[in-house]
């Protein structure tokens, strides 16, 4: 039997370990059981360590969602660099990326998103995320349409809302992933390829 004490994790590695444990809790038991106390117990750390990293349950949920979001944003930007510069190609990439994002994160993503609704801090964080994706979409689509900035922004808000609704249908088993991606891409092309509004 070894008498060597276990190696201490760095602060960043400990945070990653707790986030992985939190994802497992959400996947296996749902968001209702995800508290900092339960996370500490499952991760094998003391409650003060969990509180030091996340402060509140809201902070933990936000950290989980942000981790998902950051991974997907990096993948999206890399894919956009390799995509032909035509509206239909960019729309196909974004439609597939939205669906792939959901599939790679699984139902935990929607569960965490739903759990984020409830207090001002969480609502503000979700709005920041939506705004950042609207900005990304506006930047990506601006070269392909002749819409005024306000109209383009409004349509990108609508596209993101529609994509969210379509992936929920996919989650319920009502539409296949390929059909969901095609529908999102088709919406982008038809709504953004119209040029200026009257």
N, C-alpha and C. Protein backbone atom coordinates (compact mmCIF):
# COMPACT_ATOMS: atom_id res chain seq x y z
N UNK A 1 0.84 -1.18 0.00
CA UNK A 1 0.00 0.00 0.00
C UNK A 1 0.89 1.24 0.00
N UNK A 2 0.60 2.18 -0.90
CA UNK A 2 1.43 3.38 -1.03
C UNK A 2 1.16 4.35 0.12
N UNK A 3 2.24 4.94 0.60
CA UNK A 3 2.09 5.97 1.65
C UNK A 3 2.23 7.36 1.06
N UNK A 4 2.39 7.44 -0.27
CA UNK A 4 2.51 8.73 -0.93
C UNK A 4 1.13 9.39 -0.98
N UNK A 5 1.04 10.65 -0.47
CA UNK A 5 -0.27 11.31 -0.52
C UNK A 5 -0.68 11.59 -1.96
N UNK A 6 -1.99 11.61 -2.24
CA UNK A 6 -2.43 11.89 -3.61
C UNK A 6 -2.00 13.29 -4.02
N UNK A 7 -1.68 13.43 -5.30
CA UNK A 7 -1.23 14.72 -5.84
C UNK A 7 -2.37 15.73 -5.79
N UNK A 8 -2.07 16.91 -5.28
CA UNK A 8 -3.08 17.98 -5.24
C UNK A 8 -3.28 18.53 -6.64
N UNK A 9 -4.52 18.80 -6.95
CA UNK A 9 -4.83 19.38 -8.25
C UNK A 9 -4.64 20.89 -8.19
N UNK A 10 -4.22 21.46 -9.31
CA UNK A 10 -4.16 22.92 -9.39
C UNK A 10 -5.58 23.47 -9.29
N UNK A 11 -5.68 24.75 -9.04
CA UNK A 11 -7.00 25.36 -8.92
C UNK A 11 -7.82 25.17 -10.19
N UNK A 12 -7.16 25.34 -11.35
CA UNK A 12 -7.86 25.18 -12.63
C UNK A 12 -8.29 23.74 -12.86
N UNK A 13 -7.40 22.81 -12.52
CA UNK A 13 -7.74 21.39 -12.70
C UNK A 13 -8.87 20.99 -11.74
N UNK A 14 -8.85 21.51 -10.53
CA UNK A 14 -9.93 21.21 -9.58
C UNK A 14 -11.26 21.74 -10.10
N UNK A 15 -11.23 22.96 -10.66
CA UNK A 15 -12.45 23.54 -11.22
C UNK A 15 -12.99 22.67 -12.35
N UNK A 16 -12.09 22.21 -13.24
CA UNK A 16 -12.50 21.35 -14.35
C UNK A 16 -13.08 20.04 -13.82
N UNK A 17 -12.47 19.48 -12.79
CA UNK A 17 -12.97 18.24 -12.20
C UNK A 17 -14.37 18.44 -11.64
N UNK A 18 -14.59 19.57 -10.98
CA UNK A 18 -15.92 19.82 -10.41
C UNK A 18 -16.94 20.08 -11.50
N UNK A 19 -16.55 20.77 -12.57
CA UNK A 19 -17.48 21.00 -13.67
C UNK A 19 -17.86 19.67 -14.35
N UNK A 20 -16.89 18.78 -14.51
CA UNK A 20 -17.19 17.46 -15.08
C UNK A 20 -18.14 16.69 -14.18
N UNK A 21 -17.92 16.76 -12.88
CA UNK A 21 -18.82 16.10 -11.92
C UNK A 21 -20.21 16.72 -12.00
N UNK A 22 -20.28 18.04 -12.12
CA UNK A 22 -21.58 18.72 -12.22
C UNK A 22 -22.32 18.30 -13.48
N UNK A 23 -21.60 18.17 -14.61
CA UNK A 23 -22.24 17.71 -15.85
C UNK A 23 -22.79 16.30 -15.66
N UNK A 24 -22.03 15.45 -14.98
CA UNK A 24 -22.49 14.08 -14.74
C UNK A 24 -23.75 14.08 -13.87
N UNK A 25 -23.79 14.94 -12.86
CA UNK A 25 -24.98 15.03 -12.00
C UNK A 25 -26.20 15.44 -12.84
N UNK A 26 -26.02 16.46 -13.68
CA UNK A 26 -27.13 16.94 -14.52
C UNK A 26 -27.58 15.82 -15.45
N UNK A 27 -26.62 15.13 -16.07
CA UNK A 27 -26.95 14.06 -17.02
C UNK A 27 -27.68 12.90 -16.34
N UNK A 28 -27.22 12.52 -15.16
CA UNK A 28 -27.76 11.33 -14.49
C UNK A 28 -28.92 11.61 -13.55
N UNK A 29 -28.95 12.82 -12.96
CA UNK A 29 -29.94 13.08 -11.91
C UNK A 29 -30.76 14.35 -12.10
N UNK A 30 -30.39 15.18 -13.08
CA UNK A 30 -31.14 16.40 -13.34
C UNK A 30 -30.57 17.60 -12.60
N UNK A 31 -31.05 18.77 -12.99
CA UNK A 31 -30.52 20.01 -12.42
C UNK A 31 -31.04 20.29 -11.02
N UNK A 32 -32.20 19.75 -10.65
CA UNK A 32 -32.75 20.04 -9.33
C UNK A 32 -31.81 19.59 -8.20
N UNK A 33 -31.08 18.52 -8.42
CA UNK A 33 -30.17 18.01 -7.38
C UNK A 33 -28.82 18.71 -7.38
N UNK A 34 -28.58 19.55 -8.38
CA UNK A 34 -27.27 20.19 -8.50
C UNK A 34 -27.16 21.38 -7.54
N UNK A 35 -26.62 21.13 -6.37
CA UNK A 35 -26.31 22.18 -5.40
C UNK A 35 -24.82 22.13 -5.15
N UNK A 36 -24.29 23.19 -4.57
CA UNK A 36 -22.86 23.21 -4.29
C UNK A 36 -22.49 22.15 -3.24
N UNK A 37 -23.36 21.93 -2.29
CA UNK A 37 -23.11 20.90 -1.28
C UNK A 37 -23.05 19.52 -1.90
N UNK A 38 -24.01 19.21 -2.76
CA UNK A 38 -24.04 17.89 -3.39
C UNK A 38 -22.86 17.73 -4.35
N UNK A 39 -22.53 18.80 -5.07
CA UNK A 39 -21.37 18.77 -5.96
C UNK A 39 -20.11 18.46 -5.16
N UNK A 40 -19.92 19.14 -4.03
CA UNK A 40 -18.73 18.90 -3.20
C UNK A 40 -18.66 17.44 -2.78
N UNK A 41 -19.80 16.90 -2.34
CA UNK A 41 -19.85 15.49 -1.90
C UNK A 41 -19.46 14.55 -3.04
N UNK A 42 -20.07 14.75 -4.22
CA UNK A 42 -19.80 13.87 -5.36
C UNK A 42 -18.38 14.03 -5.90
N UNK A 43 -17.83 15.26 -5.80
CA UNK A 43 -16.48 15.51 -6.32
C UNK A 43 -15.39 15.15 -5.30
N UNK A 44 -15.80 14.84 -4.07
CA UNK A 44 -14.83 14.48 -3.05
C UNK A 44 -14.03 15.64 -2.52
N UNK A 45 -14.68 16.82 -2.46
CA UNK A 45 -14.02 18.01 -1.91
C UNK A 45 -14.90 18.58 -0.80
N UNK A 46 -14.34 19.51 -0.06
CA UNK A 46 -15.13 20.14 1.01
C UNK A 46 -16.06 21.20 0.41
N UNK A 47 -17.13 21.50 1.13
CA UNK A 47 -18.06 22.53 0.66
C UNK A 47 -17.37 23.87 0.43
N UNK A 48 -16.45 24.30 1.34
CA UNK A 48 -15.79 25.59 1.10
C UNK A 48 -15.06 25.66 -0.25
N UNK A 49 -14.52 24.52 -0.70
CA UNK A 49 -13.83 24.53 -2.00
C UNK A 49 -14.83 24.77 -3.13
N UNK A 50 -15.98 24.12 -3.07
CA UNK A 50 -17.01 24.33 -4.09
C UNK A 50 -17.49 25.79 -4.07
N UNK A 51 -17.69 26.33 -2.88
CA UNK A 51 -18.13 27.73 -2.79
C UNK A 51 -17.05 28.69 -3.24
N UNK A 52 -15.79 28.35 -2.99
CA UNK A 52 -14.69 29.22 -3.43
C UNK A 52 -14.67 29.33 -4.95
N UNK A 53 -14.96 28.23 -5.63
CA UNK A 53 -14.91 28.22 -7.10
C UNK A 53 -16.15 28.85 -7.74
N UNK A 54 -17.33 28.64 -7.16
CA UNK A 54 -18.56 29.04 -7.85
C UNK A 54 -19.44 30.01 -7.08
N UNK A 55 -19.23 30.19 -5.81
CA UNK A 55 -19.94 31.11 -4.92
C UNK A 55 -21.39 30.72 -4.66
N UNK A 56 -22.15 30.49 -5.74
CA UNK A 56 -23.58 30.18 -5.59
C UNK A 56 -23.96 29.11 -6.61
N UNK A 57 -25.15 28.55 -6.47
CA UNK A 57 -25.66 27.61 -7.46
C UNK A 57 -25.77 28.29 -8.82
N UNK A 58 -26.21 29.54 -8.82
CA UNK A 58 -26.28 30.29 -10.08
C UNK A 58 -24.91 30.38 -10.73
N UNK A 59 -23.88 30.65 -9.91
CA UNK A 59 -22.52 30.72 -10.44
C UNK A 59 -22.07 29.42 -11.05
N UNK A 60 -22.47 28.30 -10.44
CA UNK A 60 -22.13 26.98 -10.98
C UNK A 60 -22.83 26.74 -12.30
N UNK A 61 -24.12 27.02 -12.36
CA UNK A 61 -24.88 26.82 -13.61
C UNK A 61 -24.32 27.69 -14.73
N UNK A 62 -23.98 28.92 -14.40
CA UNK A 62 -23.42 29.83 -15.39
C UNK A 62 -22.07 29.30 -15.88
N UNK A 63 -21.23 28.80 -14.96
CA UNK A 63 -19.93 28.25 -15.35
C UNK A 63 -20.10 27.05 -16.28
N UNK A 64 -21.08 26.19 -15.99
CA UNK A 64 -21.36 25.04 -16.85
C UNK A 64 -21.78 25.49 -18.25
N UNK A 65 -22.72 26.39 -18.29
CA UNK A 65 -23.24 26.85 -19.58
C UNK A 65 -22.14 27.55 -20.37
N UNK A 66 -21.33 28.37 -19.67
CA UNK A 66 -20.25 29.10 -20.33
C UNK A 66 -19.22 28.14 -20.89
N UNK A 67 -18.93 27.08 -20.17
CA UNK A 67 -17.98 26.09 -20.67
C UNK A 67 -18.49 25.45 -21.96
N UNK A 68 -19.77 25.06 -21.98
CA UNK A 68 -20.37 24.53 -23.20
C UNK A 68 -20.26 25.54 -24.34
N UNK A 69 -20.65 26.76 -24.03
CA UNK A 69 -20.70 27.81 -25.03
C UNK A 69 -19.31 28.12 -25.59
N UNK A 70 -18.32 28.21 -24.74
CA UNK A 70 -16.96 28.53 -25.19
C UNK A 70 -16.43 27.47 -26.14
N UNK A 71 -16.68 26.20 -25.83
CA UNK A 71 -16.22 25.10 -26.69
C UNK A 71 -16.87 25.21 -28.07
N UNK A 72 -18.15 25.51 -28.10
CA UNK A 72 -18.87 25.58 -29.37
C UNK A 72 -18.45 26.81 -30.18
N UNK A 73 -18.20 27.93 -29.50
CA UNK A 73 -17.79 29.15 -30.21
C UNK A 73 -16.45 28.95 -30.91
N UNK A 74 -15.52 28.29 -30.26
CA UNK A 74 -14.21 28.02 -30.87
C UNK A 74 -14.38 27.13 -32.09
N UNK A 75 -15.17 26.08 -31.96
CA UNK A 75 -15.40 25.17 -33.09
C UNK A 75 -16.07 25.89 -34.26
N UNK A 76 -17.03 26.76 -33.95
CA UNK A 76 -17.73 27.50 -35.00
C UNK A 76 -16.79 28.43 -35.76
N UNK A 77 -15.97 29.18 -35.05
CA UNK A 77 -15.04 30.11 -35.71
C UNK A 77 -14.04 29.36 -36.59
N UNK A 78 -13.57 28.21 -36.12
CA UNK A 78 -12.65 27.41 -36.92
C UNK A 78 -13.33 26.91 -38.20
N UNK A 79 -14.56 26.44 -38.07
CA UNK A 79 -15.29 25.94 -39.23
C UNK A 79 -15.57 27.05 -40.24
N UNK A 80 -15.89 28.25 -39.74
CA UNK A 80 -16.17 29.37 -40.64
C UNK A 80 -14.96 29.74 -41.49
N UNK A 81 -13.78 29.56 -40.97
CA UNK A 81 -12.56 29.87 -41.73
C UNK A 81 -12.42 28.98 -42.95
N UNK A 82 -12.99 27.77 -42.88
CA UNK A 82 -12.84 26.80 -43.96
C UNK A 82 -14.05 26.75 -44.89
N UNK A 83 -15.04 27.57 -44.65
CA UNK A 83 -16.29 27.50 -45.41
C UNK A 83 -16.25 28.41 -46.64
N UNK A 84 -16.71 27.93 -47.81
CA UNK A 84 -16.79 28.80 -48.99
C UNK A 84 -17.62 30.05 -48.67
N UNK A 85 -17.29 31.13 -49.30
CA UNK A 85 -17.90 32.42 -48.97
C UNK A 85 -19.16 32.68 -49.81
N UNK A 86 -20.17 31.85 -49.60
CA UNK A 86 -21.47 32.06 -50.22
C UNK A 86 -22.53 31.88 -49.14
N UNK A 87 -23.62 32.61 -49.24
CA UNK A 87 -24.66 32.58 -48.21
C UNK A 87 -25.15 31.16 -47.94
N UNK A 88 -25.44 30.40 -48.99
CA UNK A 88 -25.98 29.05 -48.78
C UNK A 88 -24.99 28.16 -48.04
N UNK A 89 -23.69 28.32 -48.30
CA UNK A 89 -22.68 27.51 -47.63
C UNK A 89 -22.53 27.91 -46.16
N UNK A 90 -22.53 29.21 -45.92
CA UNK A 90 -22.41 29.70 -44.54
C UNK A 90 -23.65 29.30 -43.74
N UNK A 91 -24.82 29.42 -44.37
CA UNK A 91 -26.07 29.03 -43.69
C UNK A 91 -26.07 27.53 -43.38
N UNK A 92 -25.61 26.72 -44.33
CA UNK A 92 -25.56 25.27 -44.10
C UNK A 92 -24.62 24.96 -42.93
N UNK A 93 -23.49 25.64 -42.89
CA UNK A 93 -22.55 25.43 -41.79
C UNK A 93 -23.17 25.82 -40.45
N UNK A 94 -23.80 27.00 -40.40
CA UNK A 94 -24.37 27.47 -39.14
C UNK A 94 -25.55 26.59 -38.70
N UNK A 95 -26.37 26.16 -39.65
CA UNK A 95 -27.48 25.27 -39.30
C UNK A 95 -26.97 23.96 -38.73
N UNK A 96 -25.96 23.38 -39.39
CA UNK A 96 -25.38 22.12 -38.90
C UNK A 96 -24.68 22.34 -37.56
N UNK A 97 -24.01 23.48 -37.42
CA UNK A 97 -23.29 23.76 -36.18
C UNK A 97 -24.25 23.89 -35.01
N UNK A 98 -25.40 24.53 -35.24
CA UNK A 98 -26.38 24.68 -34.15
C UNK A 98 -26.89 23.30 -33.70
N UNK A 99 -27.18 22.46 -34.66
CA UNK A 99 -27.67 21.11 -34.34
C UNK A 99 -26.56 20.28 -33.69
N UNK A 100 -25.35 20.36 -34.25
CA UNK A 100 -24.22 19.61 -33.69
C UNK A 100 -23.91 20.06 -32.27
N UNK A 101 -24.05 21.35 -32.03
CA UNK A 101 -23.83 21.91 -30.70
C UNK A 101 -24.77 21.22 -29.71
N UNK A 102 -26.03 21.15 -30.08
CA UNK A 102 -26.99 20.50 -29.19
C UNK A 102 -26.66 19.03 -29.01
N UNK A 103 -26.37 18.35 -30.13
CA UNK A 103 -26.10 16.91 -30.05
C UNK A 103 -24.86 16.63 -29.22
N UNK A 104 -23.82 17.43 -29.37
CA UNK A 104 -22.58 17.16 -28.63
C UNK A 104 -22.74 17.44 -27.14
N UNK A 105 -23.61 18.37 -26.81
CA UNK A 105 -23.82 18.70 -25.40
C UNK A 105 -24.97 17.89 -24.81
N UNK A 106 -25.82 17.38 -25.67
CA UNK A 106 -26.91 16.54 -25.18
C UNK A 106 -28.00 17.33 -24.48
N UNK A 107 -28.94 16.60 -23.89
CA UNK A 107 -30.07 17.24 -23.24
C UNK A 107 -29.67 18.07 -22.02
N UNK A 108 -28.41 17.86 -21.51
CA UNK A 108 -27.98 18.67 -20.37
C UNK A 108 -28.00 20.16 -20.71
N UNK A 109 -27.70 20.47 -21.98
CA UNK A 109 -27.63 21.88 -22.39
C UNK A 109 -28.97 22.56 -22.17
N UNK A 110 -30.05 21.94 -22.65
CA UNK A 110 -31.37 22.53 -22.46
C UNK A 110 -31.78 22.51 -20.99
N UNK A 111 -31.38 21.47 -20.26
CA UNK A 111 -31.71 21.40 -18.82
C UNK A 111 -31.02 22.53 -18.07
N UNK A 112 -29.76 22.77 -18.38
CA UNK A 112 -29.03 23.86 -17.72
C UNK A 112 -29.62 25.20 -18.14
N UNK A 113 -29.93 25.33 -19.43
CA UNK A 113 -30.55 26.56 -19.92
C UNK A 113 -31.85 26.85 -19.20
N UNK A 114 -32.68 25.82 -19.02
CA UNK A 114 -33.95 25.99 -18.31
C UNK A 114 -33.71 26.36 -16.86
N UNK A 115 -32.70 25.73 -16.24
CA UNK A 115 -32.40 26.03 -14.83
C UNK A 115 -31.86 27.44 -14.64
N UNK A 116 -31.30 28.01 -15.70
CA UNK A 116 -30.77 29.37 -15.62
C UNK A 116 -31.87 30.42 -15.52
N UNK A 117 -33.08 30.04 -15.87
CA UNK A 117 -34.19 30.98 -15.78
C UNK A 117 -34.64 31.02 -14.32
N UNK A 118 -34.59 32.18 -13.72
CA UNK A 118 -35.03 32.21 -12.33
C UNK A 118 -34.55 33.37 -11.51
N UNK A 119 -33.34 33.85 -11.75
CA UNK A 119 -32.93 35.03 -11.00
C UNK A 119 -32.24 36.02 -11.93
N UNK A 120 -32.06 37.23 -11.46
CA UNK A 120 -31.56 38.30 -12.32
C UNK A 120 -30.19 37.99 -12.89
N UNK A 121 -29.31 37.44 -12.07
CA UNK A 121 -27.95 37.16 -12.54
C UNK A 121 -27.97 36.17 -13.68
N UNK A 122 -28.75 35.11 -13.54
CA UNK A 122 -28.83 34.09 -14.57
C UNK A 122 -29.50 34.62 -15.84
N UNK A 123 -30.57 35.39 -15.66
CA UNK A 123 -31.26 35.96 -16.83
C UNK A 123 -30.32 36.91 -17.58
N UNK A 124 -29.56 37.72 -16.83
CA UNK A 124 -28.63 38.67 -17.47
C UNK A 124 -27.55 37.90 -18.24
N UNK A 125 -27.06 36.82 -17.66
CA UNK A 125 -26.04 36.01 -18.33
C UNK A 125 -26.58 35.42 -19.62
N UNK A 126 -27.79 34.86 -19.58
CA UNK A 126 -28.37 34.29 -20.79
C UNK A 126 -28.56 35.36 -21.87
N UNK A 127 -28.98 36.54 -21.46
CA UNK A 127 -29.16 37.61 -22.44
C UNK A 127 -27.83 38.00 -23.07
N UNK A 128 -26.77 38.03 -22.26
CA UNK A 128 -25.43 38.33 -22.80
C UNK A 128 -25.03 37.28 -23.84
N UNK A 129 -25.30 36.02 -23.55
CA UNK A 129 -24.97 34.96 -24.51
C UNK A 129 -25.73 35.13 -25.82
N UNK A 130 -27.03 35.38 -25.70
CA UNK A 130 -27.84 35.58 -26.91
C UNK A 130 -27.31 36.76 -27.70
N UNK A 131 -27.03 37.86 -27.00
CA UNK A 131 -26.50 39.06 -27.68
C UNK A 131 -25.18 38.76 -28.38
N UNK A 132 -24.33 37.96 -27.74
CA UNK A 132 -23.03 37.66 -28.36
C UNK A 132 -23.23 36.81 -29.62
N UNK A 133 -24.19 35.87 -29.59
CA UNK A 133 -24.44 35.08 -30.79
C UNK A 133 -25.12 35.89 -31.87
N UNK A 134 -25.99 36.80 -31.49
CA UNK A 134 -26.59 37.69 -32.48
C UNK A 134 -25.49 38.51 -33.15
N UNK A 135 -24.54 39.01 -32.37
CA UNK A 135 -23.42 39.78 -32.93
C UNK A 135 -22.60 38.92 -33.90
N UNK A 136 -22.33 37.67 -33.50
CA UNK A 136 -21.58 36.77 -34.38
C UNK A 136 -22.34 36.56 -35.68
N UNK A 137 -23.63 36.27 -35.60
CA UNK A 137 -24.43 36.03 -36.80
C UNK A 137 -24.48 37.28 -37.68
N UNK A 138 -24.65 38.44 -37.06
CA UNK A 138 -24.68 39.68 -37.84
C UNK A 138 -23.37 39.87 -38.60
N UNK A 139 -22.24 39.63 -37.91
CA UNK A 139 -20.94 39.78 -38.56
C UNK A 139 -20.75 38.78 -39.69
N UNK A 140 -21.20 37.56 -39.48
CA UNK A 140 -21.05 36.52 -40.49
C UNK A 140 -21.92 36.80 -41.72
N UNK A 141 -23.16 37.25 -41.48
CA UNK A 141 -24.10 37.41 -42.59
C UNK A 141 -24.06 38.77 -43.29
N UNK A 142 -23.48 39.77 -42.67
CA UNK A 142 -23.47 41.12 -43.25
C UNK A 142 -22.94 41.16 -44.70
N UNK A 143 -21.88 40.42 -45.03
CA UNK A 143 -21.40 40.48 -46.42
C UNK A 143 -22.35 39.86 -47.45
N UNK A 144 -23.34 39.10 -47.00
CA UNK A 144 -24.19 38.36 -47.92
C UNK A 144 -25.57 38.96 -48.11
N UNK A 145 -25.85 40.04 -47.42
CA UNK A 145 -27.17 40.65 -47.60
C UNK A 145 -27.05 42.16 -47.52
N UNK A 146 -28.06 42.81 -48.03
CA UNK A 146 -28.04 44.26 -48.13
C UNK A 146 -29.08 44.86 -47.19
N UNK A 147 -29.27 44.25 -46.04
CA UNK A 147 -30.25 44.74 -45.08
C UNK A 147 -29.64 45.84 -44.20
N UNK A 148 -30.45 46.79 -43.78
CA UNK A 148 -29.96 47.75 -42.78
C UNK A 148 -29.56 47.00 -41.51
N UNK A 149 -28.60 47.55 -40.76
CA UNK A 149 -28.07 46.87 -39.57
C UNK A 149 -29.15 46.47 -38.58
N UNK A 150 -30.09 47.36 -38.33
CA UNK A 150 -31.15 47.04 -37.36
C UNK A 150 -32.01 45.89 -37.83
N UNK A 151 -32.31 45.86 -39.11
CA UNK A 151 -33.13 44.78 -39.67
C UNK A 151 -32.37 43.46 -39.64
N UNK A 152 -31.08 43.51 -40.00
CA UNK A 152 -30.25 42.31 -39.96
C UNK A 152 -30.20 41.76 -38.53
N UNK A 153 -30.00 42.63 -37.56
CA UNK A 153 -29.93 42.20 -36.16
C UNK A 153 -31.25 41.55 -35.73
N UNK A 154 -32.36 42.17 -36.09
CA UNK A 154 -33.67 41.64 -35.72
C UNK A 154 -33.88 40.25 -36.33
N UNK A 155 -33.48 40.09 -37.57
CA UNK A 155 -33.65 38.78 -38.22
C UNK A 155 -32.73 37.73 -37.58
N UNK A 156 -31.54 38.12 -37.19
CA UNK A 156 -30.63 37.18 -36.52
C UNK A 156 -31.20 36.76 -35.16
N UNK A 157 -31.83 37.68 -34.45
CA UNK A 157 -32.51 37.33 -33.20
C UNK A 157 -33.59 36.29 -33.48
N UNK A 158 -34.37 36.51 -34.52
CA UNK A 158 -35.43 35.57 -34.89
C UNK A 158 -34.88 34.21 -35.30
N UNK A 159 -33.78 34.20 -36.03
CA UNK A 159 -33.18 32.94 -36.47
C UNK A 159 -32.70 32.13 -35.27
N UNK A 160 -32.08 32.79 -34.32
CA UNK A 160 -31.60 32.08 -33.13
C UNK A 160 -32.77 31.53 -32.33
N UNK A 161 -33.84 32.30 -32.22
CA UNK A 161 -35.03 31.81 -31.53
C UNK A 161 -35.64 30.61 -32.24
N UNK A 162 -35.69 30.68 -33.57
CA UNK A 162 -36.23 29.57 -34.35
C UNK A 162 -35.33 28.33 -34.23
N UNK A 163 -34.02 28.54 -34.26
CA UNK A 163 -33.09 27.41 -34.14
C UNK A 163 -33.25 26.73 -32.78
N UNK A 164 -33.46 27.51 -31.75
CA UNK A 164 -33.69 26.95 -30.41
C UNK A 164 -34.96 26.10 -30.42
N UNK A 165 -36.02 26.62 -31.02
CA UNK A 165 -37.28 25.87 -31.07
C UNK A 165 -37.13 24.59 -31.89
N UNK A 166 -36.40 24.65 -32.99
CA UNK A 166 -36.21 23.48 -33.84
C UNK A 166 -35.40 22.41 -33.11
N UNK A 167 -34.36 22.82 -32.38
CA UNK A 167 -33.58 21.80 -31.64
C UNK A 167 -34.39 21.19 -30.51
N UNK A 168 -35.33 21.94 -29.96
CA UNK A 168 -36.22 21.35 -28.94
C UNK A 168 -37.11 20.28 -29.58
N UNK A 169 -37.57 20.52 -30.79
CA UNK A 169 -38.34 19.49 -31.50
C UNK A 169 -37.47 18.25 -31.76
N UNK A 170 -36.21 18.50 -32.08
CA UNK A 170 -35.28 17.38 -32.29
C UNK A 170 -35.09 16.61 -30.97
N UNK A 171 -34.96 17.33 -29.88
CA UNK A 171 -34.81 16.70 -28.57
C UNK A 171 -36.00 15.80 -28.26
N UNK A 172 -37.19 16.22 -28.66
CA UNK A 172 -38.40 15.44 -28.41
C UNK A 172 -38.57 14.28 -29.39
N UNK A 173 -37.65 14.16 -30.34
CA UNK A 173 -37.73 13.08 -31.31
C UNK A 173 -38.70 13.34 -32.43
N UNK A 174 -39.10 14.58 -32.62
CA UNK A 174 -40.09 14.91 -33.65
C UNK A 174 -39.47 15.25 -34.99
N UNK A 175 -38.16 15.47 -35.02
CA UNK A 175 -37.47 15.78 -36.27
C UNK A 175 -36.05 15.23 -36.18
N UNK A 176 -35.54 14.72 -37.29
CA UNK A 176 -34.17 14.18 -37.32
C UNK A 176 -33.17 15.33 -37.36
N UNK A 177 -31.96 15.05 -36.94
CA UNK A 177 -30.92 16.08 -36.87
C UNK A 177 -30.66 16.71 -38.24
N UNK A 178 -30.58 15.89 -39.28
CA UNK A 178 -30.32 16.43 -40.62
C UNK A 178 -31.43 17.36 -41.09
N UNK A 179 -32.67 16.97 -40.83
CA UNK A 179 -33.80 17.81 -41.22
C UNK A 179 -33.82 19.10 -40.41
N UNK A 180 -33.43 19.03 -39.14
CA UNK A 180 -33.38 20.23 -38.30
C UNK A 180 -32.33 21.21 -38.84
N UNK A 181 -31.14 20.69 -39.17
CA UNK A 181 -30.07 21.54 -39.70
C UNK A 181 -30.48 22.17 -41.02
N UNK A 182 -31.14 21.38 -41.88
CA UNK A 182 -31.59 21.90 -43.18
C UNK A 182 -32.64 22.99 -43.00
N UNK A 183 -33.56 22.80 -42.06
CA UNK A 183 -34.60 23.80 -41.81
C UNK A 183 -34.00 25.11 -41.32
N UNK A 184 -33.03 25.02 -40.41
CA UNK A 184 -32.39 26.23 -39.89
C UNK A 184 -31.64 26.95 -41.01
N UNK A 185 -30.90 26.20 -41.83
CA UNK A 185 -30.15 26.80 -42.94
C UNK A 185 -31.10 27.44 -43.95
N UNK A 186 -32.20 26.75 -44.25
CA UNK A 186 -33.18 27.27 -45.20
C UNK A 186 -33.79 28.58 -44.70
N UNK A 187 -34.08 28.63 -43.42
CA UNK A 187 -34.60 29.86 -42.83
C UNK A 187 -33.61 31.00 -42.99
N UNK A 188 -32.34 30.73 -42.73
CA UNK A 188 -31.30 31.75 -42.87
C UNK A 188 -31.24 32.28 -44.30
N UNK A 189 -31.20 31.38 -45.26
CA UNK A 189 -31.09 31.78 -46.66
C UNK A 189 -32.32 32.57 -47.10
N UNK A 190 -33.50 32.07 -46.76
CA UNK A 190 -34.72 32.75 -47.23
C UNK A 190 -34.91 34.10 -46.55
N UNK A 191 -34.50 34.19 -45.29
CA UNK A 191 -34.74 35.43 -44.55
C UNK A 191 -33.65 36.47 -44.75
N UNK A 192 -32.44 36.01 -45.04
CA UNK A 192 -31.33 36.96 -45.18
C UNK A 192 -30.96 37.23 -46.62
N UNK A 193 -31.42 36.39 -47.52
CA UNK A 193 -31.07 36.58 -48.93
C UNK A 193 -32.02 37.48 -49.69
N UNK A 194 -32.91 38.15 -48.97
CA UNK A 194 -33.94 38.98 -49.62
C UNK A 194 -33.48 40.40 -49.93
N UNK A 195 -32.34 40.79 -49.39
CA UNK A 195 -31.90 42.16 -49.64
C UNK A 195 -32.64 43.13 -48.75
N UNK A 196 -32.71 44.39 -49.17
CA UNK A 196 -33.34 45.44 -48.38
C UNK A 196 -34.85 45.24 -48.31
N UNK A 197 -35.40 45.60 -47.15
CA UNK A 197 -36.86 45.56 -47.03
C UNK A 197 -37.42 46.88 -47.53
N UNK A 198 -38.69 46.85 -47.85
CA UNK A 198 -39.32 48.06 -48.39
C UNK A 198 -39.47 49.10 -47.32
